[in-house]
PDB file of N, CA and C in Angstrom:
ATOM      1  N   MET A   1    -106.122  12.420 -52.371  1.00  0.00           N
ATOM      2  CA  MET A   1    -105.186  12.207 -53.141  1.00  0.00           C
ATOM      3  C   MET A   1    -104.857  13.004 -53.829  1.00  0.00           C
ATOM      4  N   SER A   2    -103.655  14.509 -53.788  1.00  0.00           N
ATOM      5  CA  SER A   2    -103.109  14.710 -54.310  1.00  0.00           C
ATOM      6  C   SER A   2    -101.555  15.545 -54.636  1.00  0.00           C
ATOM      7  N   TRP A   3    -101.064  15.278 -54.818  1.00  0.00           N
ATOM      8  CA  TRP A   3     -99.302  15.900 -55.543  1.00  0.00           C
ATOM      9  C   TRP A   3     -99.865  17.670 -54.690  1.00  0.00           C
ATOM     10  N   GLU A   4     -97.848  17.121 -53.968  1.00  0.00           N
ATOM     11  CA  GLU A   4     -98.082  17.670 -52.882  1.00  0.00           C
ATOM     12  C   GLU A   4     -97.097  18.099 -53.255  1.00  0.00           C
ATOM     13  N   THR A   5     -96.007  19.825 -52.860  1.00  0.00           N
ATOM     14  CA  THR A   5     -94.934  20.163 -53.210  1.00  0.00           C
ATOM     15  C   THR A   5     -93.591  18.780 -51.824  1.00  0.00           C
ATOM     16  N   ILE A   6     -92.627  18.560 -52.257  1.00  0.00           N
ATOM     17  CA  ILE A   6     -92.276  17.953 -51.556  1.00  0.00           C
ATOM     18  C   ILE A   6     -90.276  17.959 -50.389  1.00  0.00           C
ATOM     19  N   ARG A   7     -89.930  18.726 -51.724  1.00  0.00           N
ATOM     20  CA  ARG A   7     -88.488  19.333 -51.909  1.00  0.00           C
ATOM     21  C   ARG A   7     -88.995  20.741 -52.866  1.00  0.00           C
ATOM     22  N   VAL A   8     -88.010  21.795 -52.807  1.00  0.00           N
ATOM     23  CA  VAL A   8     -87.467  22.462 -53.705  1.00  0.00           C
ATOM     24  C   VAL A   8     -86.288  22.602 -53.315  1.00  0.00           C
ATOM     25  N   ASN A   9     -85.232  22.383 -54.644  1.00  0.00           N
ATOM     26  CA  ASN A   9     -84.880  22.267 -54.728  1.00  0.00           C
ATOM     27  C   ASN A   9     -83.498  24.403 -55.492  1.00  0.00           C
ATOM     28  N   LYS A  10     -83.002  24.046 -55.030  1.00  0.00           N
ATOM     29  CA  LYS A  10     -82.486  26.527 -55.626  1.00  0.00           C
ATOM     30  C   LYS A  10     -80.833  25.953 -56.055  1.00  0.00           C
ATOM     31  N   ILE A  11     -80.537  26.810 -57.060  1.00  0.00           N
ATOM     32  CA  ILE A  11     -79.092  26.343 -57.522  1.00  0.00           C
ATOM     33  C   ILE A  11     -78.747  27.690 -57.980  1.00  0.00           C
ATOM     34  N   LYS A  12     -77.846  28.580 -58.022  1.00  0.00           N
ATOM     35  CA  LYS A  12     -76.825  29.899 -58.576  1.00  0.00           C
ATOM     36  C   LYS A  12     -77.212  29.323 -60.472  1.00  0.00           C
ATOM     37  N   CYS A  13     -77.606  30.663 -60.840  1.00  0.00           N
ATOM     38  CA  CYS A  13     -77.567  30.456 -62.761  1.00  0.00           C
ATOM     39  C   CYS A  13     -76.299  30.457 -62.734  1.00  0.00           C
ATOM     40  N   PRO A  14     -76.361  30.453 -63.652  1.00  0.00           N
ATOM     41  CA  PRO A  14     -75.015  30.744 -65.100  1.00  0.00           C
ATOM     42  C   PRO A  14     -74.889  32.015 -64.534  1.00  0.00           C
ATOM     43  N   CYS A  15     -74.771  32.722 -64.142  1.00  0.00           N
ATOM     44  CA  CYS A  15     -74.118  34.376 -65.047  1.00  0.00           C
ATOM     45  C   CYS A  15     -74.620  34.995 -62.511  1.00  0.00           C
ATOM     46  N   GLY A  16     -75.172  33.966 -61.195  1.00  0.00           N
ATOM     47  CA  GLY A  16     -75.143  33.920 -60.507  1.00  0.00           C
ATOM     48  C   GLY A  16     -75.460  35.126 -59.534  1.00  0.00           C
ATOM     49  N   LYS A  17     -76.642  35.992 -60.737  1.00  0.00           N
ATOM     50  CA  LYS A  17     -77.731  36.979 -60.442  1.00  0.00           C
ATOM     51  C   LYS A  17     -78.748  36.501 -60.041  1.00  0.00           C
ATOM     52  N   GLY A  18     -79.191  35.645 -60.556  1.00  0.00           N
ATOM     53  CA  GLY A  18     -80.170  34.373 -59.786  1.00  0.00           C
ATOM     54  C   GLY A  18     -80.209  33.302 -60.263  1.00  0.00           C
ATOM     55  N   THR A  19     -81.722  32.396 -59.927  1.00  0.00           N
ATOM     56  CA  THR A  19     -81.396  30.863 -59.042  1.00  0.00           C
ATOM     57  C   THR A  19     -82.269  30.415 -60.399  1.00  0.00           C
ATOM     58  N   ILE A  20     -81.623  28.479 -60.458  1.00  0.00           N
ATOM     59  CA  ILE A  20     -82.833  28.457 -61.495  1.00  0.00           C
ATOM     60  C   ILE A  20     -83.234  26.910 -60.236  1.00  0.00           C
ATOM     61  N   LYS A  21     -85.116  27.002 -60.450  1.00  0.00           N
ATOM     62  CA  LYS A  21     -85.278  26.318 -59.046  1.00  0.00           C
ATOM     63  C   LYS A  21     -86.452  25.040 -59.612  1.00  0.00           C
ATOM     64  N   GLN A  22     -86.402  23.919 -59.219  1.00  0.00           N
ATOM     65  CA  GLN A  22     -87.026  22.808 -59.137  1.00  0.00           C
ATOM     66  C   GLN A  22     -87.843  22.267 -58.862  1.00  0.00           C
ATOM     67  N   GLU A  23     -89.243  22.214 -58.656  1.00  0.00           N
ATOM     68  CA  GLU A  23     -90.805  20.889 -57.432  1.00  0.00           C
ATOM     69  C   GLU A  23     -89.889  19.353 -58.022  1.00  0.00           C
ATOM     70  N   ILE A  24     -90.042  19.423 -56.282  1.00  0.00           N
ATOM     71  CA  ILE A  24     -90.049  17.882 -56.651  1.00  0.00           C
ATOM     72  C   ILE A  24     -91.642  17.420 -55.798  1.00  0.00           C
ATOM     73  N   LYS A  25     -92.583  16.542 -56.218  1.00  0.00           N
ATOM     74  CA  LYS A  25     -93.460  16.503 -56.366  1.00  0.00           C
ATOM     75  C   LYS A  25     -94.471  15.025 -55.517  1.00  0.00           C
ATOM     76  N   GLY A  26     -94.747  15.320 -54.589  1.00  0.00           N
ATOM     77  CA  GLY A  26     -94.994  13.308 -54.234  1.00  0.00           C
ATOM     78  C   GLY A  26     -96.526  12.827 -53.416  1.00  0.00           C
ATOM     79  N   ASP A  27     -97.134  12.010 -53.944  1.00  0.00           N
ATOM     80  CA  ASP A  27     -98.779  11.774 -54.136  1.00  0.00           C
ATOM     81  C   ASP A  27     -98.928  10.217 -52.539  1.00  0.00           C
ATOM     82  N   ASP A  28    -100.479  11.057 -52.566  1.00  0.00           N
ATOM     83  CA  ASP A  28    -100.456   9.869 -51.062  1.00  0.00           C
ATOM     84  C   ASP A  28     -99.859   8.044 -51.763  1.00  0.00           C
ATOM     85  N   TRP A  29     -99.360   7.744 -52.846  1.00  0.00           N
ATOM     86  CA  TRP A  29     -99.243   6.991 -53.484  1.00  0.00           C
ATOM     87  C   TRP A  29     -97.311   6.631 -53.360  1.00  0.00           C
ATOM     88  N   ASN A  30     -96.552   7.301 -52.692  1.00  0.00           N
ATOM     89  CA  ASN A  30     -94.935   7.274 -52.789  1.00  0.00           C
ATOM     90  C   ASN A  30     -94.704   7.781 -54.888  1.00  0.00           C
ATOM     91  N   ARG A  31     -95.706   8.012 -55.194  1.00  0.00           N
ATOM     92  CA  ARG A  31     -94.756   8.198 -56.665  1.00  0.00           C
ATOM     93  C   ARG A  31     -94.455   9.643 -56.299  1.00  0.00           C
ATOM     94  N   ILE A  32     -93.227  10.187 -57.661  1.00  0.00           N
ATOM     95  CA  ILE A  32     -92.264  11.261 -57.236  1.00  0.00           C
ATOM     96  C   ILE A  32     -92.273  11.482 -58.899  1.00  0.00           C
ATOM     97  N   GLU A  33     -92.368  13.150 -58.484  1.00  0.00           N
ATOM     98  CA  GLU A  33     -91.964  13.794 -60.009  1.00  0.00           C
ATOM     99  C   GLU A  33     -91.371  15.018 -60.224  1.00  0.00           C
ATOM    100  N   GLU A  34     -90.770  15.006 -60.867  1.00  0.00           N
ATOM    101  CA  GLU A  34     -89.465  16.080 -60.827  1.00  0.00           C
ATOM    102  C   GLU A  34     -90.187  17.575 -61.409  1.00  0.00           C
ATOM    103  N   GLU A  35     -90.420  18.673 -61.479  1.00  0.00           N
ATOM    104  CA  GLU A  35     -90.993  19.712 -62.606  1.00  0.00           C
ATOM    105  C   GLU A  35     -89.796  19.952 -63.350  1.00  0.00           C
ATOM    106  N   THR A  36     -89.961  20.103 -64.436  1.00  0.00           N
ATOM    107  CA  THR A  36     -88.478  20.737 -65.201  1.00  0.00           C
ATOM    108  C   THR A  36     -87.670  22.364 -64.557  1.00  0.00           C
ATOM    109  N   PRO A  37     -86.489  21.943 -64.293  1.00  0.00           N
ATOM    110  CA  PRO A  37     -86.109  23.493 -63.331  1.00  0.00           C
ATOM    111  C   PRO A  37     -87.436  24.792 -64.088  1.00  0.00           C
ATOM    112  N   ILE A  38     -86.884  26.124 -64.151  1.00  0.00           N
ATOM    113  CA  ILE A  38     -87.443  26.181 -64.073  1.00  0.00           C
ATOM    114  C   ILE A  38     -86.346  27.931 -63.938  1.00  0.00           C
ATOM    115  N   ILE A  39     -85.797  28.917 -64.928  1.00  0.00           N
ATOM    116  CA  ILE A  39     -84.782  29.745 -64.646  1.00  0.00           C
ATOM    117  C   ILE A  39     -85.578  31.363 -64.002  1.00  0.00           C
ATOM    118  N   GLN A  40     -84.744  31.206 -62.739  1.00  0.00           N
ATOM    119  CA  GLN A  40     -85.483  32.523 -62.106  1.00  0.00           C
ATOM    120  C   GLN A  40     -84.394  33.768 -62.072  1.00  0.00           C
ATOM    121  N   CYS A  41     -84.079  33.891 -63.552  1.00  0.00           N
ATOM    122  CA  CYS A  41     -83.017  35.361 -64.085  1.00  0.00           C
ATOM    123  C   CYS A  41     -83.337  35.702 -64.906  1.00  0.00           C
ATOM    124  N   ASP A  42     -83.651  37.472 -64.860  1.00  0.00           N
ATOM    125  CA  ASP A  42     -84.039  37.801 -66.122  1.00  0.00           C
ATOM    126  C   ASP A  42     -83.067  37.676 -67.478  1.00  0.00           C
ATOM    127  N   GLU A  43     -81.257  37.812 -68.126  1.00  0.00           N
ATOM    128  CA  GLU A  43     -80.945  38.023 -68.078  1.00  0.00           C
ATOM    129  C   GLU A  43     -80.306  36.104 -68.797  1.00  0.00           C
ATOM    130  N   CYS A  44     -80.583  34.989 -67.660  1.00  0.00           N
ATOM    131  CA  CYS A  44     -79.743  33.910 -68.078  1.00  0.00           C
ATOM    132  C   CYS A  44     -81.852  33.394 -69.351  1.00  0.00           C
ATOM    133  N   SER A  45     -82.197  33.793 -68.988  1.00  0.00           N
ATOM    134  CA  SER A  45     -83.818  33.238 -68.645  1.00  0.00           C
ATOM    135  C   SER A  45     -83.706  34.029 -70.499  1.00  0.00           C
ATOM    136  N   LYS A  46     -83.517  35.020 -70.690  1.00  0.00           N
ATOM    137  CA  LYS A  46     -83.476  35.130 -72.604  1.00  0.00           C
ATOM    138  C   LYS A  46     -82.545  35.020 -73.113  1.00  0.00           C
ATOM    139  N   LYS A  47     -80.612  34.788 -71.984  1.00  0.00           N
ATOM    140  CA  LYS A  47     -79.584  33.446 -72.546  1.00  0.00           C
ATOM    141  C   LYS A  47     -80.052  32.062 -73.083  1.00  0.00           C
ATOM    142  N   TYR A  48     -80.391  31.391 -72.129  1.00  0.00           N
ATOM    143  CA  TYR A  48     -80.575  29.461 -71.445  1.00  0.00           C
ATOM    144  C   TYR A  48     -81.780  28.704 -72.008  1.00  0.00           C
ATOM    145  N   LYS A  49     -82.086  28.650 -72.068  1.00  0.00           N
ATOM    146  CA  LYS A  49     -83.368  27.111 -71.844  1.00  0.00           C
ATOM    147  C   LYS A  49     -82.840  25.942 -71.640  1.00  0.00           C
ATOM    148  N   ILE A  50     -83.483  25.638 -71.192  1.00  0.00           N
ATOM    149  CA  ILE A  50     -83.967  24.155 -70.095  1.00  0.00           C
ATOM    150  C   ILE A  50     -83.808  23.167 -70.415  1.00  0.00           C
ATOM    151  N   GLU A  51     -82.948  22.078 -70.956  1.00  0.00           N
ATOM    152  CA  GLU A  51     -83.349  20.920 -72.128  1.00  0.00           C
ATOM    153  C   GLU A  51     -83.126  19.960 -70.311  1.00  0.00           C
ATOM    154  N   SER A  52     -83.565  18.712 -70.887  1.00  0.00           N
ATOM    155  CA  SER A  52     -82.791  17.035 -70.080  1.00  0.00           C
ATOM    156  C   SER A  52     -82.765  15.952 -70.861  1.00  0.00           C
ATOM    157  N   GLU A  53     -82.344  14.248 -70.524  1.00  0.00           N
ATOM    158  CA  GLU A  53     -81.932  13.853 -71.313  1.00  0.00           C
ATOM    159  C   GLU A  53     -82.478  12.881 -69.527  1.00  0.00           C
ATOM    160  N   TYR A  54     -82.732  12.055 -70.277  1.00  0.00           N
ATOM    161  CA  TYR A  54     -82.552  10.613 -69.139  1.00  0.00           C
ATOM    162  C   TYR A  54     -82.661   9.910 -69.560  1.00  0.00           C
ATOM    163  N   PHE A  55     -82.275   9.128 -68.491  1.00  0.00           N
ATOM    164  CA  PHE A  55     -80.897   7.844 -68.501  1.00  0.00           C
ATOM    165  C   PHE A  55     -81.998   6.480 -68.256  1.00  0.00           C
ATOM    166  N   ASN A  56     -82.657   5.102 -67.902  1.00  0.00           N
ATOM    167  CA  ASN A  56     -82.686   3.694 -67.444  1.00  0.00           C
ATOM    168  C   ASN A  56     -81.791   3.126 -67.336  1.00  0.00           C
ATOM    169  N   PRO A  57     -80.698   3.134 -67.117  1.00  0.00           N
ATOM    170  CA  PRO A  57     -79.353   1.963 -66.846  1.00  0.00           C
ATOM    171  C   PRO A  57     -79.541   0.906 -65.812  1.00  0.00           C
ATOM    172  N   LYS A  58     -80.474  -0.328 -66.910  1.00  0.00           N
ATOM    173  CA  LYS A  58     -80.267  -1.701 -65.425  1.00  0.00           C
ATOM    174  C   LYS A  58     -79.063  -2.757 -64.819  1.00  0.00           C
ATOM    175  N   PRO A  59     -79.758  -3.109 -64.113  1.00  0.00           N
ATOM    176  CA  PRO A  59     -80.654  -2.643 -62.944  1.00  0.00           C
ATOM    177  C   PRO A  59     -81.231  -1.352 -61.930  1.00  0.00           C
ATOM    178  N   ALA A  60     -80.318  -0.776 -62.575  1.00  0.00           N
ATOM    179  CA  ALA A  60     -80.000   0.712 -61.103  1.00  0.00           C
ATOM    180  C   ALA A  60     -81.612   1.536 -61.883  1.00  0.00           C
ATOM    181  N   HIS A  61     -81.176   2.479 -60.921  1.00  0.00           N
ATOM    182  CA  HIS A  61     -82.934   3.595 -60.920  1.00  0.00           C
ATOM    183  C   HIS A  61     -82.745   4.414 -62.163  1.00  0.00           C
ATOM    184  N   ASP A  62     -83.819   5.312 -62.582  1.00  0.00           N
ATOM    185  CA  ASP A  62     -83.496   6.275 -64.309  1.00  0.00           C
ATOM    186  C   ASP A  62     -83.755   6.916 -62.799  1.00  0.00           C
ATOM    187  N   TYR A  63     -82.840   8.456 -63.506  1.00  0.00           N
ATOM    188  CA  TYR A  63     -83.003   9.280 -63.564  1.00  0.00           C
ATOM    189  C   TYR A  63     -82.572  10.552 -64.895  1.00  0.00           C
ATOM    190  N   THR A  64     -82.665  11.890 -63.924  1.00  0.00           N
ATOM    191  CA  THR A  64     -82.682  12.587 -65.144  1.00  0.00           C
ATOM    192  C   THR A  64     -81.681  13.459 -65.241  1.00  0.00           C
ATOM    193  N   VAL A  65     -80.880  14.457 -66.564  1.00  0.00           N
ATOM    194  CA  VAL A  65     -79.866  14.518 -66.050  1.00  0.00           C
ATOM    195  C   VAL A  65     -80.442  16.305 -67.010  1.00  0.00           C
ATOM    196  N   TYR A  66     -80.351  17.010 -66.618  1.00  0.00           N
ATOM    197  CA  TYR A  66     -80.682  18.999 -67.203  1.00  0.00           C
ATOM    198  C   TYR A  66     -79.163  19.713 -67.345  1.00  0.00           C
ATOM    199  N   TYR A  67     -80.118  20.142 -68.142  1.00  0.00           N
ATOM    200  CA  TYR A  67     -78.062  21.102 -69.050  1.00  0.00           C
ATOM    201  C   TYR A  67     -79.898  22.627 -69.416  1.00  0.00           C
ATOM    202  N   CYS A  68     -78.575  23.935 -69.527  1.00  0.00           N
ATOM    203  CA  CYS A  68     -78.651  25.492 -69.785  1.00  0.00           C
ATOM    204  C   CYS A  68     -77.948  25.035 -70.768  1.00  0.00           C
ATOM    205  N   ILE A  69     -78.576  24.592 -72.010  1.00  0.00           N
ATOM    206  CA  ILE A  69     -77.766  24.797 -73.845  1.00  0.00           C
ATOM    207  C   ILE A  69     -78.729  26.759 -73.339  1.00  0.00           C
ATOM    208  N   ASN A  70     -77.352  26.967 -74.117  1.00  0.00           N
ATOM    209  CA  ASN A  70     -77.288  28.635 -74.890  1.00  0.00           C
ATOM    210  C   ASN A  70     -78.220  28.851 -76.272  1.00  0.00           C
ATOM    211  N   LYS A  71     -79.316  29.016 -75.498  1.00  0.00           N
ATOM    212  CA  LYS A  71     -79.630  29.360 -77.125  1.00  0.00           C
ATOM    213  C   LYS A  71     -79.388  30.197 -78.728  1.00  0.00           C
ATOM    214  N   ASN A  72     -77.612  30.606 -78.594  1.00  0.00           N
ATOM    215  CA  ASN A  72     -77.517  31.183 -79.575  1.00  0.00           C
ATOM    216  C   ASN A  72     -76.856  30.260 -80.163  1.00  0.00           C
ATOM    217  N   ASN A  73     -76.053  29.410 -79.506  1.00  0.00           N
ATOM    218  CA  ASN A  73     -74.393  28.605 -79.662  1.00  0.00           C
ATOM    219  C   ASN A  73     -74.963  27.353 -78.999  1.00  0.00           C
ATOM    220  N   PRO A  74     -75.941  26.419 -79.240  1.00  0.00           N
ATOM    221  CA  PRO A  74     -76.329  25.435 -78.661  1.00  0.00           C
ATOM    222  C   PRO A  74     -75.458  24.091 -78.390  1.00  0.00           C
ATOM    223  N   ASP A  75     -74.164  24.245 -78.431  1.00  0.00           N
ATOM    224  CA  ASP A  75     -73.278  23.648 -78.070  1.00  0.00           C
ATOM    225  C   ASP A  75     -72.054  24.330 -76.849  1.00  0.00           C
ATOM    226  N   GLU A  76     -73.029  24.950 -76.806  1.00  0.00           N
ATOM    227  CA  GLU A  76     -72.594  25.692 -75.302  1.00  0.00           C
ATOM    228  C   GLU A  76     -73.733  25.043 -74.030  1.00  0.00           C
ATOM    229  N   LYS A  77     -73.336  24.579 -73.274  1.00  0.00           N
ATOM    230  CA  LYS A  77     -74.038  22.618 -72.673  1.00  0.00           C
ATOM    231  C   LYS A  77     -73.663  22.720 -71.124  1.00  0.00           C
ATOM    232  N   ILE A  78     -74.416  23.854 -70.129  1.00  0.00           N
ATOM    233  CA  ILE A  78     -73.582  23.369 -68.866  1.00  0.00           C
ATOM    234  C   ILE A  78     -74.722  23.280 -67.956  1.00  0.00           C
ATOM    235  N   LYS A  79     -74.244  21.596 -67.046  1.00  0.00           N
ATOM    236  CA  LYS A  79     -74.554  20.930 -66.690  1.00  0.00           C
ATOM    237  C   LYS A  79     -75.422  21.096 -65.667  1.00  0.00           C
ATOM    238  N   LEU A  80     -76.627  21.085 -65.354  1.00  0.00           N
ATOM    239  CA  LEU A  80     -77.377  21.536 -63.649  1.00  0.00           C
ATOM    240  C   LEU A  80     -76.652  20.089 -62.594  1.00  0.00           C
ATOM    241  N   ASN A  81     -76.033  20.719 -61.294  1.00  0.00           N
ATOM    242  CA  ASN A  81     -76.384  19.717 -60.885  1.00  0.00           C
ATOM    243  C   ASN A  81     -77.082  19.980 -59.371  1.00  0.00           C
ATOM    244  N   ILE A  82     -78.383  20.339 -60.009  1.00  0.00           N
ATOM    245  CA  ILE A  82     -79.976  20.292 -59.089  1.00  0.00           C
ATOM    246  C   ILE A  82     -80.061  18.928 -59.004  1.00  0.00           C
TER     247      ILE A  82
END
């Protein structure tokens, strides 16, 4: 009974030189856990941080939206399609 990686999502980072990676894990009871995405780019990791927004609309299923937020200008917000 342990968590195993069932999928890894990767997209290009905002500058295009690296990636943003997210692991999706599952266990023996069919529970799913999304890890917070990680910026794998030296340039973007200095400039951006990852933030999330959780939604739980009824009767639909819950979901999380992730954003790259500029550390120096929090109004600059890039929605990630990961």
